[in-house]
Amino acid sequence: MVAGNPQDVLKAISERHKLEPNGEPSLQNAVEMARSSMSHLPTHSSREILVIYGSLTTCDPGNIHDTLDECVKDRIRISIVALAAEMKICRDLCDKSGGMCVPARST
C-alpha cells in the first residue's frame, strides 16, 4: 500500500485477511511503483519506502540495480522488514539507499 495517511495504513492492516496472495513477488515492481508515486513530492519532503517482505525470491522484469540507482538519485530511502531469511538484494537496497534492513528473528 502506498499512503501517507496513518489511518489508511491502519485500515489496510486491519483488513489484511481479505488479501489473498498469488503469483510471484517482485521487489523491483514494488519499488518502481512506490518511486513513481513519489515523483511529485518536493525534494525537501521525506521519501522512504518501507517493504514488509515474506518471500525468499523475487521475480523482477529487469535489472533491480538500475531501479536502486534511480532511488539513490531521487534520494529515496528503502527499508525492508524481512519476515523470511534475509536476501542479499534486500540488504543492498537498504544499504545503498540509506535505509534499514531488519531480518526475521527466530525464537
N, C-alpha and C. Protein backbone atom coordinates (compact mmCIF):
# COMPACT_ATOMS: atom_id res chain seq x y z
N MET A 1 0.83 -1.16 0.00
CA MET A 1 0.00 0.00 0.00
C MET A 1 0.88 1.23 0.00
N VAL A 2 0.54 2.20 -0.80
CA VAL A 2 1.26 3.45 -0.86
C VAL A 2 0.35 4.53 -0.29
N ALA A 3 0.74 5.08 0.86
CA ALA A 3 -0.10 6.08 1.50
C ALA A 3 0.72 6.92 2.46
N GLY A 4 0.27 8.11 2.71
CA GLY A 4 0.90 8.97 3.68
C GLY A 4 0.04 9.17 4.90
N ASN A 5 -1.20 8.74 4.82
CA ASN A 5 -2.14 8.91 5.92
C ASN A 5 -2.08 7.67 6.83
N PRO A 6 -1.73 7.86 8.10
CA PRO A 6 -1.64 6.71 9.00
C PRO A 6 -2.96 5.95 9.16
N GLN A 7 -4.08 6.65 9.08
CA GLN A 7 -5.38 5.98 9.21
C GLN A 7 -5.61 5.01 8.06
N ASP A 8 -5.19 5.39 6.85
CA ASP A 8 -5.33 4.49 5.69
C ASP A 8 -4.47 3.24 5.88
N VAL A 9 -3.26 3.42 6.41
CA VAL A 9 -2.36 2.28 6.63
C VAL A 9 -2.95 1.35 7.68
N LEU A 10 -3.43 1.91 8.78
CA LEU A 10 -4.03 1.08 9.84
C LEU A 10 -5.26 0.32 9.34
N LYS A 11 -6.07 0.97 8.51
CA LYS A 11 -7.25 0.31 7.96
C LYS A 11 -6.83 -0.85 7.06
N ALA A 12 -5.82 -0.63 6.22
CA ALA A 12 -5.35 -1.69 5.32
C ALA A 12 -4.79 -2.87 6.11
N ILE A 13 -4.07 -2.58 7.19
CA ILE A 13 -3.52 -3.66 8.01
C ILE A 13 -4.64 -4.44 8.69
N SER A 14 -5.67 -3.74 9.16
CA SER A 14 -6.77 -4.44 9.84
C SER A 14 -7.59 -5.29 8.87
N GLU A 15 -7.55 -4.96 7.58
CA GLU A 15 -8.29 -5.72 6.58
C GLU A 15 -7.40 -6.65 5.77
N ARG A 16 -6.22 -6.96 6.28
CA ARG A 16 -5.25 -7.78 5.54
C ARG A 16 -5.76 -9.20 5.28
N HIS A 17 -6.66 -9.68 6.13
CA HIS A 17 -7.19 -11.03 5.96
C HIS A 17 -7.99 -11.16 4.65
N LYS A 18 -8.42 -10.05 4.07
CA LYS A 18 -9.16 -10.08 2.81
C LYS A 18 -8.24 -10.29 1.61
N LEU A 19 -6.95 -10.09 1.81
CA LEU A 19 -5.99 -10.19 0.71
C LEU A 19 -5.51 -11.63 0.56
N GLU A 20 -5.57 -12.13 -0.62
CA GLU A 20 -5.13 -13.49 -0.92
C GLU A 20 -3.92 -13.41 -1.84
N PRO A 21 -2.71 -13.67 -1.33
CA PRO A 21 -1.53 -13.55 -2.19
C PRO A 21 -1.52 -14.63 -3.27
N ASN A 22 -1.05 -14.24 -4.45
CA ASN A 22 -0.87 -15.21 -5.53
C ASN A 22 0.19 -14.70 -6.48
N GLY A 23 0.77 -15.58 -7.25
CA GLY A 23 1.83 -15.20 -8.18
C GLY A 23 3.17 -15.08 -7.48
N GLU A 24 4.13 -14.57 -8.24
CA GLU A 24 5.48 -14.41 -7.71
C GLU A 24 5.72 -12.95 -7.34
N PRO A 25 6.38 -12.70 -6.21
CA PRO A 25 6.63 -11.32 -5.81
C PRO A 25 7.76 -10.69 -6.62
N SER A 26 7.71 -9.38 -6.77
CA SER A 26 8.76 -8.64 -7.46
C SER A 26 9.11 -7.41 -6.65
N LEU A 27 10.31 -7.41 -6.07
CA LEU A 27 10.78 -6.24 -5.35
C LEU A 27 10.92 -5.05 -6.30
N GLN A 28 11.40 -5.30 -7.50
CA GLN A 28 11.61 -4.22 -8.45
C GLN A 28 10.29 -3.53 -8.80
N ASN A 29 9.26 -4.30 -9.08
CA ASN A 29 7.96 -3.69 -9.41
C ASN A 29 7.42 -2.89 -8.23
N ALA A 30 7.56 -3.42 -7.01
CA ALA A 30 7.06 -2.72 -5.83
C ALA A 30 7.80 -1.40 -5.62
N VAL A 31 9.12 -1.44 -5.75
CA VAL A 31 9.92 -0.22 -5.55
C VAL A 31 9.64 0.79 -6.66
N GLU A 32 9.52 0.32 -7.90
CA GLU A 32 9.21 1.22 -9.02
C GLU A 32 7.85 1.89 -8.83
N MET A 33 6.86 1.14 -8.39
CA MET A 33 5.53 1.70 -8.18
C MET A 33 5.57 2.77 -7.08
N ALA A 34 6.25 2.45 -5.98
CA ALA A 34 6.35 3.42 -4.89
C ALA A 34 7.16 4.64 -5.32
N ARG A 35 8.23 4.41 -6.04
CA ARG A 35 9.08 5.53 -6.51
C ARG A 35 8.30 6.46 -7.42
N SER A 36 7.52 5.90 -8.33
CA SER A 36 6.77 6.73 -9.26
C SER A 36 5.68 7.53 -8.54
N SER A 37 5.16 7.00 -7.44
CA SER A 37 4.13 7.74 -6.71
C SER A 37 4.73 8.90 -5.91
N MET A 38 6.05 8.89 -5.75
CA MET A 38 6.71 9.97 -5.01
C MET A 38 7.29 11.04 -5.92
N SER A 39 7.13 10.89 -7.21
CA SER A 39 7.77 11.81 -8.15
C SER A 39 7.27 13.24 -8.01
N HIS A 40 6.07 13.44 -7.54
CA HIS A 40 5.51 14.78 -7.40
C HIS A 40 5.90 15.46 -6.09
N LEU A 41 6.50 14.72 -5.17
CA LEU A 41 6.85 15.29 -3.87
C LEU A 41 8.06 16.22 -3.99
N PRO A 42 8.07 17.30 -3.23
CA PRO A 42 9.23 18.20 -3.26
C PRO A 42 10.45 17.51 -2.68
N THR A 43 11.64 17.98 -3.05
CA THR A 43 12.87 17.32 -2.62
C THR A 43 13.11 17.42 -1.12
N HIS A 44 12.52 18.40 -0.45
CA HIS A 44 12.73 18.53 0.98
C HIS A 44 11.80 17.62 1.80
N SER A 45 10.88 16.94 1.15
CA SER A 45 9.96 16.06 1.87
C SER A 45 10.64 14.73 2.18
N SER A 46 10.04 14.01 3.11
CA SER A 46 10.57 12.70 3.49
C SER A 46 10.17 11.68 2.42
N ARG A 47 11.14 11.01 1.87
CA ARG A 47 10.90 9.99 0.85
C ARG A 47 11.46 8.66 1.33
N GLU A 48 10.58 7.79 1.73
CA GLU A 48 11.03 6.48 2.21
C GLU A 48 10.03 5.42 1.79
N ILE A 49 10.58 4.28 1.39
CA ILE A 49 9.78 3.12 1.03
C ILE A 49 10.02 2.08 2.12
N LEU A 50 8.94 1.59 2.71
CA LEU A 50 9.03 0.53 3.70
C LEU A 50 8.41 -0.71 3.09
N VAL A 51 9.21 -1.77 2.99
CA VAL A 51 8.76 -3.03 2.41
C VAL A 51 8.72 -4.08 3.51
N ILE A 52 7.59 -4.75 3.65
CA ILE A 52 7.49 -5.90 4.54
C ILE A 52 7.45 -7.11 3.63
N TYR A 53 8.53 -7.89 3.65
CA TYR A 53 8.74 -8.92 2.64
C TYR A 53 8.79 -10.30 3.27
N GLY A 54 7.98 -11.22 2.78
CA GLY A 54 7.91 -12.55 3.37
C GLY A 54 8.30 -13.66 2.42
N SER A 55 9.01 -13.35 1.36
CA SER A 55 9.38 -14.37 0.38
C SER A 55 10.89 -14.56 0.37
N LEU A 56 11.32 -15.68 -0.18
CA LEU A 56 12.75 -15.95 -0.34
C LEU A 56 13.21 -15.69 -1.77
N THR A 57 12.30 -15.22 -2.62
CA THR A 57 12.64 -14.96 -4.02
C THR A 57 12.03 -13.64 -4.47
N THR A 58 12.54 -13.15 -5.59
CA THR A 58 11.95 -12.01 -6.26
C THR A 58 12.04 -12.26 -7.75
N CYS A 59 10.96 -12.04 -8.45
CA CYS A 59 10.90 -12.29 -9.89
C CYS A 59 10.76 -10.92 -10.58
N ASP A 60 11.89 -10.34 -10.94
CA ASP A 60 11.91 -8.98 -11.45
C ASP A 60 11.99 -8.95 -12.98
N PRO A 61 11.30 -7.97 -13.59
CA PRO A 61 11.28 -7.90 -15.05
C PRO A 61 12.56 -7.32 -15.66
N GLY A 62 13.38 -6.67 -14.85
CA GLY A 62 14.60 -6.04 -15.37
C GLY A 62 15.70 -6.09 -14.34
N ASN A 63 16.64 -5.18 -14.47
CA ASN A 63 17.76 -5.12 -13.54
C ASN A 63 17.36 -4.27 -12.33
N ILE A 64 17.21 -4.90 -11.19
CA ILE A 64 16.78 -4.19 -9.99
C ILE A 64 17.82 -3.17 -9.53
N HIS A 65 19.08 -3.36 -9.92
CA HIS A 65 20.12 -2.40 -9.55
C HIS A 65 19.93 -1.07 -10.26
N ASP A 66 19.34 -1.09 -11.45
CA ASP A 66 19.01 0.17 -12.14
C ASP A 66 17.94 0.93 -11.37
N THR A 67 16.96 0.19 -10.85
CA THR A 67 15.91 0.80 -10.03
C THR A 67 16.51 1.37 -8.76
N LEU A 68 17.43 0.66 -8.15
CA LEU A 68 18.11 1.14 -6.95
C LEU A 68 18.88 2.43 -7.24
N ASP A 69 19.58 2.47 -8.36
CA ASP A 69 20.32 3.67 -8.74
C ASP A 69 19.39 4.88 -8.89
N GLU A 70 18.20 4.65 -9.46
CA GLU A 70 17.22 5.74 -9.61
C GLU A 70 16.72 6.22 -8.25
N CYS A 71 16.52 5.29 -7.32
CA CYS A 71 16.08 5.66 -5.97
C CYS A 71 17.16 6.48 -5.26
N VAL A 72 18.41 6.07 -5.39
CA VAL A 72 19.51 6.81 -4.78
C VAL A 72 19.58 8.21 -5.39
N LYS A 73 19.44 8.30 -6.71
CA LYS A 73 19.47 9.59 -7.40
C LYS A 73 18.33 10.50 -6.93
N ASP A 74 17.15 9.91 -6.70
CA ASP A 74 15.97 10.67 -6.24
C ASP A 74 15.94 10.85 -4.72
N ARG A 75 16.97 10.38 -4.05
CA ARG A 75 17.08 10.44 -2.58
C ARG A 75 15.91 9.77 -1.88
N ILE A 76 15.60 8.58 -2.32
CA ILE A 76 14.55 7.77 -1.70
C ILE A 76 15.22 6.68 -0.88
N ARG A 77 14.88 6.64 0.38
CA ARG A 77 15.44 5.63 1.29
C ARG A 77 14.53 4.40 1.26
N ILE A 78 15.13 3.22 1.22
CA ILE A 78 14.38 1.96 1.22
C ILE A 78 14.72 1.19 2.49
N SER A 79 13.69 0.83 3.25
CA SER A 79 13.86 -0.01 4.43
C SER A 79 13.01 -1.26 4.25
N ILE A 80 13.55 -2.39 4.70
CA ILE A 80 12.87 -3.67 4.50
C ILE A 80 12.81 -4.44 5.81
N VAL A 81 11.63 -4.96 6.12
CA VAL A 81 11.46 -5.92 7.21
C VAL A 81 11.31 -7.27 6.52
N ALA A 82 12.29 -8.13 6.70
CA ALA A 82 12.30 -9.44 6.06
C ALA A 82 11.68 -10.46 7.01
N LEU A 83 10.51 -10.97 6.66
CA LEU A 83 9.84 -11.96 7.50
C LEU A 83 10.45 -13.35 7.33
N ALA A 84 11.01 -13.59 6.16
CA ALA A 84 11.72 -14.85 5.92
C ALA A 84 13.22 -14.55 6.10
N ALA A 85 14.07 -15.43 5.65
CA ALA A 85 15.50 -15.20 5.74
C ALA A 85 15.90 -13.98 4.91
N GLU A 86 16.96 -13.33 5.32
CA GLU A 86 17.42 -12.13 4.62
C GLU A 86 18.03 -12.50 3.27
N MET A 87 17.68 -11.73 2.24
CA MET A 87 18.27 -11.92 0.91
C MET A 87 19.28 -10.81 0.68
N LYS A 88 20.33 -11.10 -0.07
CA LYS A 88 21.37 -10.11 -0.33
C LYS A 88 20.82 -8.88 -1.03
N ILE A 89 19.89 -9.04 -1.95
CA ILE A 89 19.35 -7.89 -2.67
C ILE A 89 18.62 -6.96 -1.71
N CYS A 90 17.97 -7.51 -0.70
CA CYS A 90 17.30 -6.66 0.31
C CYS A 90 18.34 -5.84 1.06
N ARG A 91 19.42 -6.48 1.46
CA ARG A 91 20.50 -5.76 2.16
C ARG A 91 21.09 -4.68 1.26
N ASP A 92 21.31 -4.99 -0.02
CA ASP A 92 21.86 -4.00 -0.96
C ASP A 92 20.93 -2.80 -1.12
N LEU A 93 19.63 -3.05 -1.28
CA LEU A 93 18.66 -1.96 -1.43
C LEU A 93 18.71 -1.02 -0.23
N CYS A 94 18.77 -1.59 0.95
CA CYS A 94 18.76 -0.79 2.17
C CYS A 94 20.09 -0.05 2.37
N ASP A 95 21.18 -0.77 2.24
CA ASP A 95 22.49 -0.17 2.49
C ASP A 95 22.78 0.98 1.52
N LYS A 96 22.52 0.77 0.25
CA LYS A 96 22.86 1.78 -0.75
C LYS A 96 21.92 2.98 -0.74
N SER A 97 20.71 2.79 -0.22
CA SER A 97 19.76 3.91 -0.19
C SER A 97 19.73 4.60 1.18
N GLY A 98 20.44 4.05 2.15
CA GLY A 98 20.47 4.64 3.48
C GLY A 98 19.37 4.17 4.41
N GLY A 99 18.70 3.08 4.03
CA GLY A 99 17.62 2.55 4.85
C GLY A 99 18.10 1.48 5.82
N MET A 100 17.15 0.80 6.42
CA MET A 100 17.46 -0.26 7.38
C MET A 100 16.90 -1.58 6.88
N CYS A 101 17.65 -2.65 7.09
CA CYS A 101 17.19 -3.99 6.74
C CYS A 101 17.07 -4.77 8.05
N VAL A 102 15.83 -5.16 8.36
CA VAL A 102 15.57 -5.85 9.63
C VAL A 102 15.17 -7.29 9.31
N PRO A 103 16.08 -8.24 9.53
CA PRO A 103 15.75 -9.64 9.26
C PRO A 103 14.89 -10.23 10.37
N ALA A 104 14.19 -11.31 10.01
CA ALA A 104 13.36 -12.01 10.99
C ALA A 104 14.26 -12.64 12.05
N ARG A 105 13.73 -12.74 13.22
CA ARG A 105 14.49 -13.38 14.31
C ARG A 105 13.78 -14.66 14.70
N SER A 106 14.55 -15.69 14.87
CA SER A 106 13.95 -16.96 15.32
C SER A 106 13.98 -16.99 16.84
N THR A 107 12.95 -17.61 17.40
CA THR A 107 12.89 -17.67 18.86
C THR A 107 13.09 -19.07 19.35
